[in-house]
């Protein structure tokens, strides 16, 4: 009808390709039209600058970061319009079911190298993942018979961070215990621990859990500023 045709004239059809890790930020005109004591608008250029600065900041919540910048800009000036913001992060999750065989690491390596993250980070994550995976293959199933089920699940999640999760049904073992980062590595007293130190140093967060008879090690690396 004529109303629909009229409304269609105000709409623009836009298609964009969203990759895992991309941050989508939506806002109302109350953001760019926020004013300070000099009656200046916050404006699109200032908003673009704030969004760019966010990538280099230690902050993790983009809505809170933009909101703080708007408040500082307004400096107690009266708010004349609603300020509404929404953000979300494109995410991809892939899970591999692997046998405790070091040859299986090739599947993990391929998954990491095909992901849309910088090459140097890909190589670092491959080194960390290889250290953890080989340790699981070598030690997690000691004492288990050939008939016992032996499985390793590897989950790779890409959003504003890279998350690698290793889950196995081997003997209970917390690899984070006893890892010391603040002393020089001693080959005599820390034999076999250097690989774990390197792997855990690459990550921003490392968490171990033993739940329902399964070891779960999660390593996360945030991508902002990379």
N, C-alpha and C. Protein backbone atom coordinates (compact mmCIF):
# COMPACT_ATOMS: atom_id res chain seq x y z
N UNK A 1 0.84 -1.20 0.00
CA UNK A 1 0.00 0.00 0.00
C UNK A 1 0.88 1.25 0.00
N UNK A 2 0.23 2.42 -0.05
CA UNK A 2 0.99 3.66 -0.16
C UNK A 2 1.84 3.96 1.07
N UNK A 3 1.36 3.54 2.26
CA UNK A 3 2.13 3.77 3.50
C UNK A 3 3.42 2.97 3.47
N UNK A 4 3.29 1.68 3.09
CA UNK A 4 4.48 0.83 3.02
C UNK A 4 5.48 1.38 2.01
N UNK A 5 4.97 1.86 0.87
CA UNK A 5 5.85 2.41 -0.16
C UNK A 5 6.56 3.66 0.35
N UNK A 6 5.85 4.46 1.12
CA UNK A 6 6.45 5.68 1.66
C UNK A 6 7.53 5.36 2.68
N UNK A 7 7.25 4.38 3.55
CA UNK A 7 8.25 3.98 4.55
C UNK A 7 9.47 3.36 3.90
N UNK A 8 9.25 2.61 2.82
CA UNK A 8 10.36 1.96 2.14
C UNK A 8 11.34 2.99 1.60
N UNK A 9 10.85 4.19 1.30
CA UNK A 9 11.73 5.22 0.78
C UNK A 9 12.73 5.72 1.80
N UNK A 10 12.46 5.48 3.09
CA UNK A 10 13.37 5.93 4.14
C UNK A 10 14.36 4.83 4.56
N UNK A 11 14.20 3.64 4.00
CA UNK A 11 15.02 2.50 4.41
C UNK A 11 16.14 2.26 3.40
N UNK A 12 17.28 1.87 3.92
CA UNK A 12 18.42 1.53 3.08
C UNK A 12 18.82 0.09 3.36
N UNK A 13 18.97 -0.68 2.31
CA UNK A 13 19.36 -2.08 2.46
C UNK A 13 20.88 -2.18 2.40
N UNK A 14 21.47 -2.65 3.48
CA UNK A 14 22.92 -2.76 3.55
C UNK A 14 23.28 -4.20 3.94
N UNK A 15 24.24 -4.77 3.23
CA UNK A 15 24.74 -6.10 3.57
C UNK A 15 26.22 -5.99 3.92
N UNK A 16 26.59 -6.57 5.06
CA UNK A 16 28.00 -6.58 5.46
C UNK A 16 28.37 -8.01 5.86
N UNK A 17 29.64 -8.32 5.70
CA UNK A 17 30.14 -9.63 6.10
C UNK A 17 30.72 -9.51 7.50
N UNK A 18 30.22 -10.31 8.44
CA UNK A 18 30.67 -10.26 9.84
C UNK A 18 31.54 -11.47 10.12
N UNK A 19 32.77 -11.21 10.55
CA UNK A 19 33.70 -12.27 10.89
C UNK A 19 33.70 -12.52 12.40
N UNK A 20 34.02 -13.74 12.82
CA UNK A 20 34.14 -14.00 14.26
C UNK A 20 35.14 -13.03 14.90
N UNK A 21 34.73 -12.47 16.03
CA UNK A 21 35.58 -11.49 16.70
C UNK A 21 35.17 -10.06 16.44
N UNK A 22 34.38 -9.82 15.35
CA UNK A 22 33.89 -8.47 15.07
C UNK A 22 32.92 -8.02 16.16
N UNK A 23 33.04 -6.77 16.57
CA UNK A 23 32.13 -6.19 17.56
C UNK A 23 31.11 -5.33 16.84
N UNK A 24 29.83 -5.60 17.03
CA UNK A 24 28.75 -4.81 16.46
C UNK A 24 28.24 -3.85 17.53
N UNK A 25 28.28 -2.56 17.22
CA UNK A 25 27.88 -1.53 18.19
C UNK A 25 26.71 -0.74 17.62
N UNK A 26 25.58 -0.75 18.31
CA UNK A 26 24.38 -0.04 17.88
C UNK A 26 24.06 1.05 18.89
N UNK A 27 23.54 2.20 18.38
CA UNK A 27 23.25 3.31 19.29
C UNK A 27 22.15 4.20 18.72
N UNK A 28 21.50 4.93 19.60
CA UNK A 28 20.49 5.89 19.17
C UNK A 28 21.14 7.27 19.00
N UNK A 29 20.38 8.19 18.41
CA UNK A 29 20.95 9.52 18.16
C UNK A 29 21.20 10.29 19.45
N UNK A 30 20.69 9.77 20.58
CA UNK A 30 20.99 10.42 21.85
C UNK A 30 22.46 10.36 22.20
N UNK A 31 23.19 9.42 21.62
CA UNK A 31 24.63 9.30 21.86
C UNK A 31 25.37 10.43 21.16
N UNK A 32 25.18 10.57 19.86
CA UNK A 32 25.91 11.58 19.10
C UNK A 32 25.39 12.99 19.36
N UNK A 33 24.15 13.10 19.84
CA UNK A 33 23.59 14.42 20.09
C UNK A 33 23.67 14.84 21.56
N UNK A 34 24.42 14.07 22.36
CA UNK A 34 24.68 14.49 23.73
C UNK A 34 25.49 15.78 23.68
N UNK A 35 25.19 16.74 24.56
CA UNK A 35 25.86 18.04 24.52
C UNK A 35 26.58 18.35 25.83
N UNK A 36 27.59 19.19 25.72
CA UNK A 36 28.31 19.64 26.91
C UNK A 36 27.88 21.05 27.28
N UNK A 37 28.60 21.66 28.23
CA UNK A 37 28.21 22.99 28.70
C UNK A 37 28.37 24.06 27.62
N UNK A 38 29.13 23.76 26.57
CA UNK A 38 29.31 24.72 25.48
C UNK A 38 28.34 24.47 24.33
N UNK A 39 27.35 23.62 24.56
CA UNK A 39 26.34 23.27 23.56
C UNK A 39 26.94 22.54 22.34
N UNK A 40 28.08 21.87 22.55
CA UNK A 40 28.70 21.10 21.48
C UNK A 40 28.14 19.68 21.50
N UNK A 41 27.94 19.11 20.32
CA UNK A 41 27.49 17.72 20.22
C UNK A 41 28.66 16.77 20.44
N UNK A 42 28.34 15.61 21.03
CA UNK A 42 29.36 14.56 21.13
C UNK A 42 29.80 14.18 19.72
N UNK A 43 28.87 13.99 18.82
CA UNK A 43 29.16 13.85 17.39
C UNK A 43 29.70 12.49 16.95
N UNK A 44 29.57 12.25 15.66
CA UNK A 44 30.00 10.97 15.10
C UNK A 44 31.52 10.84 15.08
N UNK A 45 32.23 11.92 14.80
CA UNK A 45 33.70 11.84 14.75
C UNK A 45 34.27 11.49 16.11
N UNK A 46 33.73 12.10 17.15
CA UNK A 46 34.21 11.81 18.50
C UNK A 46 33.87 10.37 18.88
N UNK A 47 32.68 9.91 18.49
CA UNK A 47 32.29 8.53 18.77
C UNK A 47 33.22 7.55 18.05
N UNK A 48 33.54 7.82 16.80
CA UNK A 48 34.47 6.95 16.06
C UNK A 48 35.83 6.90 16.74
N UNK A 49 36.29 8.03 17.25
CA UNK A 49 37.57 8.09 17.95
C UNK A 49 37.52 7.26 19.23
N UNK A 50 36.43 7.36 19.97
CA UNK A 50 36.27 6.59 21.21
C UNK A 50 36.26 5.09 20.91
N UNK A 51 35.54 4.70 19.85
CA UNK A 51 35.49 3.27 19.48
C UNK A 51 36.86 2.76 19.08
N UNK A 52 37.64 3.57 18.38
CA UNK A 52 38.99 3.17 18.00
C UNK A 52 39.89 3.06 19.23
N UNK A 53 39.75 4.01 20.16
CA UNK A 53 40.54 3.98 21.39
C UNK A 53 40.21 2.75 22.23
N UNK A 54 38.96 2.30 22.16
CA UNK A 54 38.55 1.13 22.94
C UNK A 54 39.39 -0.09 22.59
N UNK A 55 39.76 -0.23 21.32
CA UNK A 55 40.54 -1.39 20.87
C UNK A 55 41.90 -1.44 21.55
N UNK A 56 42.43 -0.28 21.93
CA UNK A 56 43.75 -0.24 22.55
C UNK A 56 43.68 -0.13 24.08
N UNK A 57 42.48 -0.08 24.61
CA UNK A 57 42.32 0.10 26.06
C UNK A 57 42.22 -1.25 26.76
N UNK A 58 42.44 -1.29 28.07
CA UNK A 58 42.29 -2.52 28.83
C UNK A 58 40.83 -2.86 29.15
N UNK A 59 39.91 -1.94 28.81
CA UNK A 59 38.49 -2.15 29.10
C UNK A 59 37.94 -3.31 28.27
N UNK A 60 36.95 -4.03 28.83
CA UNK A 60 36.37 -5.18 28.14
C UNK A 60 34.92 -4.96 27.71
N UNK A 61 34.26 -3.94 28.26
CA UNK A 61 32.85 -3.68 27.93
C UNK A 61 32.75 -2.39 27.14
N UNK A 62 32.42 -2.50 25.85
CA UNK A 62 32.42 -1.33 24.98
C UNK A 62 31.31 -0.34 25.34
N UNK A 63 30.14 -0.84 25.78
CA UNK A 63 29.04 0.05 26.15
C UNK A 63 29.42 0.88 27.36
N UNK A 64 30.02 0.25 28.36
CA UNK A 64 30.45 0.99 29.55
C UNK A 64 31.53 2.01 29.20
N UNK A 65 32.42 1.62 28.29
CA UNK A 65 33.52 2.52 27.90
C UNK A 65 32.98 3.75 27.19
N UNK A 66 32.08 3.55 26.23
CA UNK A 66 31.50 4.69 25.52
C UNK A 66 30.68 5.55 26.49
N UNK A 67 29.90 4.90 27.36
CA UNK A 67 29.10 5.62 28.33
C UNK A 67 29.94 6.51 29.24
N UNK A 68 31.09 5.99 29.66
CA UNK A 68 31.99 6.78 30.52
C UNK A 68 32.50 8.01 29.78
N UNK A 69 32.85 7.83 28.50
CA UNK A 69 33.35 8.95 27.70
C UNK A 69 32.26 10.01 27.48
N UNK A 70 31.02 9.55 27.28
CA UNK A 70 29.92 10.50 27.11
C UNK A 70 29.70 11.30 28.39
N UNK A 71 29.73 10.61 29.53
CA UNK A 71 29.53 11.30 30.82
C UNK A 71 30.61 12.35 31.06
N UNK A 72 31.87 11.98 30.74
CA UNK A 72 32.97 12.94 30.92
C UNK A 72 32.81 14.13 29.98
N UNK A 73 32.32 13.87 28.76
CA UNK A 73 32.11 14.95 27.80
C UNK A 73 30.99 15.89 28.26
N UNK A 74 29.88 15.33 28.73
CA UNK A 74 28.75 16.15 29.15
C UNK A 74 29.06 16.94 30.42
N UNK A 75 29.85 16.36 31.30
CA UNK A 75 30.27 17.07 32.52
C UNK A 75 29.10 17.67 33.27
N UNK A 76 28.13 16.83 33.62
CA UNK A 76 26.95 17.22 34.39
C UNK A 76 25.96 18.10 33.63
N UNK A 77 26.15 18.24 32.31
CA UNK A 77 25.17 18.99 31.51
C UNK A 77 23.87 18.20 31.45
N UNK A 78 22.77 18.90 31.20
CA UNK A 78 21.46 18.26 31.16
C UNK A 78 21.36 17.33 29.95
N UNK A 79 20.79 16.16 30.19
CA UNK A 79 20.58 15.19 29.11
C UNK A 79 19.22 15.46 28.47
N UNK A 80 19.20 15.68 27.15
CA UNK A 80 17.97 16.05 26.45
C UNK A 80 17.32 14.90 25.70
N UNK A 81 17.99 13.78 25.57
CA UNK A 81 17.45 12.66 24.80
C UNK A 81 17.92 11.35 25.42
N UNK A 82 17.18 10.28 25.15
CA UNK A 82 17.58 8.98 25.66
C UNK A 82 18.91 8.55 25.03
N UNK A 83 19.77 7.98 25.84
CA UNK A 83 21.05 7.45 25.36
C UNK A 83 20.98 5.93 25.48
N UNK A 84 20.87 5.27 24.35
CA UNK A 84 20.72 3.82 24.32
C UNK A 84 21.82 3.21 23.45
N UNK A 85 22.48 2.18 23.98
CA UNK A 85 23.55 1.50 23.25
C UNK A 85 23.40 -0.01 23.41
N UNK A 86 23.83 -0.73 22.40
CA UNK A 86 23.78 -2.18 22.42
C UNK A 86 24.99 -2.71 21.65
N UNK A 87 25.64 -3.73 22.16
CA UNK A 87 26.76 -4.31 21.43
C UNK A 87 26.70 -5.83 21.55
N UNK A 88 27.22 -6.50 20.54
CA UNK A 88 27.38 -7.94 20.61
C UNK A 88 28.58 -8.33 19.76
N UNK A 89 29.08 -9.52 20.02
CA UNK A 89 30.31 -9.98 19.37
C UNK A 89 30.01 -11.23 18.57
N UNK A 90 30.43 -11.23 17.31
CA UNK A 90 30.27 -12.42 16.47
C UNK A 90 31.17 -13.52 17.01
N UNK A 91 30.62 -14.73 17.11
CA UNK A 91 31.35 -15.83 17.74
C UNK A 91 31.28 -17.08 16.88
N UNK A 92 32.36 -17.83 16.88
CA UNK A 92 32.35 -19.16 16.24
C UNK A 92 32.90 -20.17 17.23
N UNK A 93 32.30 -21.36 17.25
CA UNK A 93 32.73 -22.42 18.17
C UNK A 93 32.88 -23.71 17.37
N UNK A 94 34.03 -24.33 17.48
CA UNK A 94 34.29 -25.62 16.82
C UNK A 94 34.81 -26.60 17.86
N UNK A 95 34.27 -27.81 17.85
CA UNK A 95 34.71 -28.86 18.78
C UNK A 95 35.23 -30.06 18.00
N UNK A 96 36.38 -30.55 18.41
CA UNK A 96 36.99 -31.74 17.80
C UNK A 96 37.01 -32.86 18.82
N UNK A 97 36.66 -34.06 18.40
CA UNK A 97 36.80 -35.24 19.26
C UNK A 97 38.02 -36.00 18.76
N UNK A 98 39.02 -36.12 19.62
CA UNK A 98 40.32 -36.64 19.20
C UNK A 98 40.73 -37.86 20.01
N UNK A 99 41.54 -38.69 19.39
CA UNK A 99 42.14 -39.82 20.09
C UNK A 99 43.41 -39.33 20.78
N UNK A 100 43.83 -39.98 21.88
CA UNK A 100 45.05 -39.57 22.56
C UNK A 100 46.29 -40.01 21.79
N UNK A 101 46.44 -39.44 20.62
CA UNK A 101 47.54 -39.76 19.72
C UNK A 101 48.15 -38.45 19.25
N UNK A 102 49.45 -38.26 19.42
CA UNK A 102 50.08 -36.99 19.08
C UNK A 102 49.87 -36.61 17.61
N UNK A 103 49.65 -37.60 16.75
CA UNK A 103 49.41 -37.30 15.34
C UNK A 103 48.10 -36.53 15.14
N UNK A 104 47.20 -36.65 16.10
CA UNK A 104 45.90 -35.96 16.01
C UNK A 104 46.05 -34.44 16.16
N UNK A 105 47.22 -34.01 16.66
CA UNK A 105 47.39 -32.56 16.87
C UNK A 105 47.29 -31.79 15.55
N UNK A 106 47.55 -32.45 14.44
CA UNK A 106 47.44 -31.78 13.15
C UNK A 106 46.07 -31.17 12.92
N UNK A 107 45.03 -31.80 13.46
CA UNK A 107 43.67 -31.27 13.32
C UNK A 107 43.51 -29.97 14.10
N UNK A 108 44.13 -29.91 15.28
CA UNK A 108 44.09 -28.69 16.07
C UNK A 108 44.87 -27.59 15.38
N UNK A 109 46.06 -27.93 14.89
CA UNK A 109 46.88 -26.94 14.20
C UNK A 109 46.15 -26.35 12.99
N UNK A 110 45.51 -27.21 12.22
CA UNK A 110 44.79 -26.74 11.03
C UNK A 110 43.66 -25.79 11.42
N UNK A 111 42.95 -26.12 12.50
CA UNK A 111 41.84 -25.28 12.95
C UNK A 111 42.34 -23.89 13.35
N UNK A 112 43.45 -23.84 14.08
CA UNK A 112 44.00 -22.55 14.52
C UNK A 112 44.52 -21.74 13.34
N UNK A 113 45.25 -22.39 12.43
CA UNK A 113 45.85 -21.68 11.31
C UNK A 113 44.82 -21.19 10.29
N UNK A 114 43.63 -21.79 10.28
CA UNK A 114 42.58 -21.35 9.36
C UNK A 114 41.70 -20.26 9.96
N UNK A 115 41.90 -19.93 11.23
CA UNK A 115 41.06 -18.92 11.88
C UNK A 115 41.57 -17.52 11.54
N UNK A 116 40.67 -16.54 11.65
CA UNK A 116 40.96 -15.16 11.25
C UNK A 116 41.61 -14.36 12.37
N UNK A 117 42.81 -14.77 12.78
CA UNK A 117 43.58 -14.04 13.78
C UNK A 117 44.97 -13.81 13.20
N UNK A 118 45.71 -12.82 13.73
CA UNK A 118 47.05 -12.52 13.18
C UNK A 118 47.98 -13.74 13.19
N UNK A 119 48.84 -13.82 12.16
CA UNK A 119 49.75 -14.95 12.03
C UNK A 119 50.62 -15.21 13.24
N UNK A 120 51.26 -14.17 13.83
CA UNK A 120 52.09 -14.42 15.01
C UNK A 120 51.32 -15.04 16.17
N UNK A 121 50.06 -14.60 16.34
CA UNK A 121 49.24 -15.17 17.41
C UNK A 121 48.86 -16.61 17.09
N UNK A 122 48.59 -16.90 15.82
CA UNK A 122 48.31 -18.27 15.41
C UNK A 122 49.45 -19.20 15.82
N UNK A 123 50.67 -18.78 15.54
CA UNK A 123 51.83 -19.61 15.85
C UNK A 123 52.01 -19.79 17.35
N UNK A 124 51.77 -18.72 18.11
CA UNK A 124 51.90 -18.81 19.57
C UNK A 124 50.86 -19.77 20.15
N UNK A 125 49.62 -19.67 19.65
CA UNK A 125 48.56 -20.55 20.14
C UNK A 125 48.83 -22.00 19.75
N UNK A 126 49.38 -22.21 18.55
CA UNK A 126 49.74 -23.57 18.13
C UNK A 126 50.77 -24.16 19.09
N UNK A 127 51.76 -23.35 19.47
CA UNK A 127 52.80 -23.82 20.39
C UNK A 127 52.21 -24.18 21.74
N UNK A 128 51.29 -23.33 22.24
CA UNK A 128 50.66 -23.59 23.54
C UNK A 128 49.78 -24.83 23.47
N UNK A 129 48.97 -24.93 22.41
CA UNK A 129 48.06 -26.07 22.27
C UNK A 129 48.82 -27.38 22.11
N UNK A 130 49.92 -27.34 21.39
CA UNK A 130 50.72 -28.55 21.19
C UNK A 130 51.30 -29.06 22.50
N UNK A 131 51.80 -28.13 23.32
CA UNK A 131 52.36 -28.51 24.61
C UNK A 131 51.31 -29.20 25.48
N UNK A 132 50.12 -28.61 25.56
CA UNK A 132 49.06 -29.17 26.40
C UNK A 132 48.56 -30.50 25.84
N UNK A 133 48.34 -30.56 24.53
CA UNK A 133 47.80 -31.78 23.92
C UNK A 133 48.76 -32.95 24.07
N UNK A 134 50.04 -32.71 23.82
CA UNK A 134 51.02 -33.79 23.93
C UNK A 134 51.13 -34.28 25.37
N UNK A 135 51.04 -33.36 26.33
CA UNK A 135 51.07 -33.77 27.74
C UNK A 135 49.87 -34.65 28.09
N UNK A 136 48.70 -34.31 27.56
CA UNK A 136 47.51 -35.13 27.82
C UNK A 136 47.71 -36.52 27.21
N UNK A 137 48.17 -36.55 25.97
CA UNK A 137 48.40 -37.84 25.30
C UNK A 137 49.41 -38.70 26.06
N UNK A 138 50.43 -38.06 26.62
CA UNK A 138 51.53 -38.78 27.25
C UNK A 138 51.21 -39.27 28.66
N UNK A 139 50.41 -38.53 29.41
CA UNK A 139 50.28 -38.83 30.83
C UNK A 139 48.85 -39.05 31.34
N UNK A 140 47.84 -38.55 30.62
CA UNK A 140 46.47 -38.58 31.17
C UNK A 140 45.91 -39.98 31.33
N UNK A 141 46.34 -40.91 30.50
CA UNK A 141 45.70 -42.23 30.51
C UNK A 141 46.62 -43.33 31.02
N UNK A 142 47.63 -42.94 31.80
CA UNK A 142 48.52 -43.93 32.40
C UNK A 142 47.73 -44.86 33.32
N UNK A 143 47.95 -46.14 33.20
CA UNK A 143 47.26 -47.11 34.06
C UNK A 143 45.94 -47.59 33.50
N UNK A 144 45.45 -46.99 32.44
CA UNK A 144 44.19 -47.43 31.85
C UNK A 144 44.46 -48.54 30.85
N UNK A 145 43.54 -49.49 30.79
CA UNK A 145 43.70 -50.63 29.89
C UNK A 145 43.34 -50.23 28.46
N UNK A 146 43.67 -51.10 27.51
CA UNK A 146 43.37 -50.83 26.10
C UNK A 146 41.86 -50.76 25.85
N UNK A 147 41.10 -51.41 26.69
CA UNK A 147 39.64 -51.44 26.50
C UNK A 147 38.93 -50.22 27.09
N UNK A 148 39.65 -49.46 27.93
CA UNK A 148 39.05 -48.26 28.53
C UNK A 148 38.86 -47.17 27.47
N UNK A 149 37.75 -46.45 27.60
CA UNK A 149 37.50 -45.34 26.68
C UNK A 149 38.47 -44.20 26.95
N UNK A 150 39.12 -43.73 25.89
CA UNK A 150 40.08 -42.63 26.02
C UNK A 150 39.72 -41.56 25.00
N UNK A 151 39.26 -40.42 25.49
CA UNK A 151 38.82 -39.36 24.59
C UNK A 151 39.38 -38.01 25.02
N UNK A 152 39.66 -37.19 24.02
CA UNK A 152 40.06 -35.80 24.25
C UNK A 152 39.15 -34.92 23.40
N UNK A 153 38.47 -33.99 24.05
CA UNK A 153 37.64 -33.02 23.33
C UNK A 153 38.38 -31.68 23.33
N UNK A 154 38.51 -31.11 22.14
CA UNK A 154 39.15 -29.79 22.01
C UNK A 154 38.12 -28.82 21.46
N UNK A 155 37.88 -27.72 22.19
CA UNK A 155 36.94 -26.70 21.77
C UNK A 155 37.70 -25.41 21.47
N UNK A 156 37.41 -24.84 20.30
CA UNK A 156 38.07 -23.60 19.87
C UNK A 156 36.98 -22.55 19.63
N UNK A 157 37.01 -21.51 20.45
CA UNK A 157 36.00 -20.45 20.36
C UNK A 157 36.67 -19.14 20.00
N UNK A 158 36.12 -18.47 19.00
CA UNK A 158 36.68 -17.20 18.55
C UNK A 158 35.62 -16.12 18.63
N UNK A 159 35.90 -15.09 19.43
CA UNK A 159 34.99 -13.95 19.56
C UNK A 159 35.89 -12.72 19.79
N UNK A 160 35.72 -12.01 20.93
CA UNK A 160 36.67 -10.96 21.27
C UNK A 160 37.91 -11.56 21.91
N UNK A 161 37.93 -12.88 21.99
CA UNK A 161 39.06 -13.62 22.53
C UNK A 161 39.16 -14.94 21.79
N UNK A 162 40.29 -15.57 21.94
CA UNK A 162 40.42 -16.96 21.51
C UNK A 162 40.37 -17.81 22.76
N UNK A 163 39.47 -18.77 22.79
CA UNK A 163 39.36 -19.67 23.92
C UNK A 163 39.65 -21.10 23.45
N UNK A 164 40.62 -21.75 24.08
CA UNK A 164 40.93 -23.15 23.78
C UNK A 164 40.64 -23.98 25.03
N UNK A 165 39.79 -25.00 24.87
CA UNK A 165 39.43 -25.84 26.01
C UNK A 165 39.80 -27.30 25.70
N UNK A 166 40.54 -27.90 26.61
CA UNK A 166 40.93 -29.29 26.50
C UNK A 166 40.19 -30.09 27.57
N UNK A 167 39.50 -31.13 27.16
CA UNK A 167 38.74 -31.97 28.10
C UNK A 167 39.10 -33.43 27.86
N UNK A 168 39.48 -34.12 28.91
CA UNK A 168 39.81 -35.54 28.77
C UNK A 168 39.26 -36.33 29.96
N UNK A 169 39.09 -37.63 29.75
CA UNK A 169 38.57 -38.49 30.82
C UNK A 169 39.68 -39.33 31.43
N UNK A 170 40.87 -38.76 31.49
CA UNK A 170 42.01 -39.45 32.08
C UNK A 170 42.05 -39.27 33.59
N UNK A 171 43.19 -39.61 34.18
CA UNK A 171 43.36 -39.48 35.63
C UNK A 171 43.33 -38.00 36.02
N UNK A 172 42.85 -37.72 37.23
CA UNK A 172 42.75 -36.33 37.67
C UNK A 172 44.13 -35.71 37.79
N UNK A 173 44.31 -34.57 37.11
CA UNK A 173 45.60 -33.89 37.17
C UNK A 173 45.42 -32.41 36.84
N UNK A 174 45.88 -31.56 37.76
CA UNK A 174 45.80 -30.12 37.57
C UNK A 174 47.15 -29.61 37.09
N UNK A 175 47.30 -29.27 35.81
CA UNK A 175 48.59 -28.84 35.28
C UNK A 175 49.02 -27.45 35.74
N UNK A 176 48.09 -26.70 36.37
CA UNK A 176 48.43 -25.35 36.81
C UNK A 176 49.12 -25.34 38.17
N UNK A 177 49.08 -26.46 38.89
CA UNK A 177 49.69 -26.54 40.21
C UNK A 177 51.21 -26.59 40.08
N UNK A 178 51.87 -25.77 40.87
CA UNK A 178 53.32 -25.82 40.90
C UNK A 178 54.02 -25.05 39.79
N UNK A 179 53.26 -24.40 38.93
CA UNK A 179 53.88 -23.62 37.87
C UNK A 179 54.26 -22.25 38.43
N UNK A 180 55.55 -21.94 38.37
CA UNK A 180 56.05 -20.68 38.92
C UNK A 180 56.58 -19.82 37.78
N UNK A 181 56.17 -18.58 37.75
CA UNK A 181 56.54 -17.69 36.65
C UNK A 181 57.58 -16.64 37.07
N UNK A 182 57.77 -16.47 38.37
CA UNK A 182 58.55 -15.32 38.83
C UNK A 182 59.98 -15.68 39.24
N UNK A 183 60.43 -16.87 38.88
CA UNK A 183 61.81 -17.26 39.17
C UNK A 183 62.45 -17.80 37.90
N UNK A 184 63.77 -17.82 37.88
CA UNK A 184 64.48 -18.37 36.73
C UNK A 184 64.22 -19.85 36.64
N UNK A 185 64.05 -20.33 35.41
CA UNK A 185 63.79 -21.75 35.21
C UNK A 185 65.04 -22.56 35.54
N UNK A 186 64.87 -23.61 36.32
CA UNK A 186 65.97 -24.48 36.75
C UNK A 186 65.76 -25.86 36.15
N UNK A 187 66.65 -26.29 35.26
CA UNK A 187 66.51 -27.56 34.58
C UNK A 187 66.51 -28.74 35.55
N UNK A 188 67.18 -28.58 36.71
CA UNK A 188 67.28 -29.69 37.67
C UNK A 188 66.02 -29.85 38.51
N UNK A 189 65.43 -28.73 38.91
CA UNK A 189 64.28 -28.81 39.82
C UNK A 189 62.94 -28.68 39.11
N UNK A 190 62.93 -28.17 37.88
CA UNK A 190 61.68 -27.96 37.16
C UNK A 190 61.66 -28.72 35.84
N UNK A 191 62.28 -29.87 35.82
CA UNK A 191 62.35 -30.65 34.59
C UNK A 191 60.95 -30.93 34.04
N UNK A 192 60.75 -30.58 32.78
CA UNK A 192 59.47 -30.83 32.13
C UNK A 192 58.45 -29.72 32.32
N UNK A 193 58.79 -28.71 33.10
CA UNK A 193 57.83 -27.65 33.37
C UNK A 193 57.94 -26.44 32.47
N UNK A 194 59.02 -26.34 31.70
CA UNK A 194 59.22 -25.15 30.89
C UNK A 194 58.13 -25.00 29.84
N UNK A 195 57.72 -26.10 29.23
CA UNK A 195 56.67 -26.03 28.21
C UNK A 195 55.38 -25.47 28.76
N UNK A 196 55.00 -25.89 29.97
CA UNK A 196 53.78 -25.38 30.58
C UNK A 196 53.90 -23.89 30.89
N UNK A 197 55.07 -23.47 31.36
CA UNK A 197 55.27 -22.05 31.65
C UNK A 197 55.08 -21.23 30.39
N UNK A 198 55.67 -21.68 29.28
CA UNK A 198 55.53 -20.97 28.01
C UNK A 198 54.07 -20.95 27.57
N UNK A 199 53.40 -22.11 27.64
CA UNK A 199 52.02 -22.21 27.20
C UNK A 199 51.11 -21.30 28.01
N UNK A 200 51.26 -21.31 29.34
CA UNK A 200 50.39 -20.52 30.19
C UNK A 200 50.70 -19.03 30.09
N UNK A 201 51.96 -18.67 29.79
CA UNK A 201 52.32 -17.27 29.65
C UNK A 201 51.69 -16.67 28.40
N UNK A 202 51.52 -17.47 27.36
CA UNK A 202 50.88 -17.00 26.12
C UNK A 202 49.44 -16.58 26.39
N UNK A 203 48.75 -17.30 27.28
CA UNK A 203 47.34 -17.03 27.57
C UNK A 203 47.19 -15.86 28.55
N UNK A 204 46.03 -15.19 28.47
CA UNK A 204 45.69 -14.14 29.44
C UNK A 204 45.01 -14.75 30.67
N UNK A 205 44.29 -15.85 30.47
CA UNK A 205 43.60 -16.53 31.56
C UNK A 205 43.75 -18.03 31.39
N UNK A 206 43.99 -18.72 32.50
CA UNK A 206 44.09 -20.19 32.50
C UNK A 206 43.26 -20.71 33.66
N UNK A 207 42.38 -21.68 33.38
CA UNK A 207 41.50 -22.22 34.43
C UNK A 207 41.42 -23.74 34.30
N UNK A 208 41.59 -24.42 35.43
CA UNK A 208 41.47 -25.89 35.45
C UNK A 208 40.29 -26.29 36.33
N UNK A 209 39.54 -27.32 35.88
CA UNK A 209 38.44 -27.88 36.66
C UNK A 209 38.42 -29.40 36.46
N UNK A 210 37.99 -30.10 37.50
CA UNK A 210 37.78 -31.55 37.41
C UNK A 210 36.32 -31.81 37.76
N UNK A 211 35.52 -32.12 36.73
CA UNK A 211 34.08 -32.26 36.93
C UNK A 211 33.60 -33.54 36.25
N UNK A 212 32.81 -34.32 36.98
CA UNK A 212 32.23 -35.56 36.44
C UNK A 212 33.28 -36.48 35.82
N UNK A 213 34.41 -36.60 36.51
CA UNK A 213 35.45 -37.51 36.05
C UNK A 213 36.22 -37.02 34.84
N UNK A 214 36.20 -35.72 34.59
CA UNK A 214 36.90 -35.19 33.42
C UNK A 214 37.77 -34.00 33.80
N UNK A 215 38.99 -33.99 33.25
CA UNK A 215 39.87 -32.84 33.40
C UNK A 215 39.47 -31.80 32.34
N UNK A 216 39.34 -30.56 32.75
CA UNK A 216 39.03 -29.49 31.80
C UNK A 216 39.99 -28.34 32.03
N UNK A 217 40.77 -28.03 30.99
CA UNK A 217 41.71 -26.91 31.05
C UNK A 217 41.28 -25.90 29.99
N UNK A 218 41.03 -24.67 30.43
CA UNK A 218 40.59 -23.60 29.53
C UNK A 218 41.63 -22.50 29.51
N UNK A 219 42.04 -22.13 28.30
CA UNK A 219 43.02 -21.06 28.11
C UNK A 219 42.40 -19.99 27.22
N UNK A 220 42.49 -18.72 27.63
CA UNK A 220 41.88 -17.63 26.88
C UNK A 220 42.91 -16.55 26.57
N UNK A 221 42.81 -16.01 25.36
CA UNK A 221 43.67 -14.91 24.93
C UNK A 221 42.79 -13.84 24.32
N UNK A 222 42.76 -12.65 24.92
CA UNK A 222 41.94 -11.55 24.41
C UNK A 222 42.58 -10.93 23.18
N UNK A 223 41.72 -10.53 22.21
CA UNK A 223 42.21 -10.08 20.92
C UNK A 223 42.31 -8.57 20.79
N UNK A 224 41.68 -7.81 21.66
CA UNK A 224 41.72 -6.35 21.52
C UNK A 224 43.16 -5.86 21.57
N UNK A 225 43.51 -5.02 20.61
CA UNK A 225 44.84 -4.43 20.61
C UNK A 225 45.89 -5.30 19.97
N UNK A 226 45.53 -6.51 19.51
CA UNK A 226 46.50 -7.40 18.88
C UNK A 226 46.91 -6.84 17.52
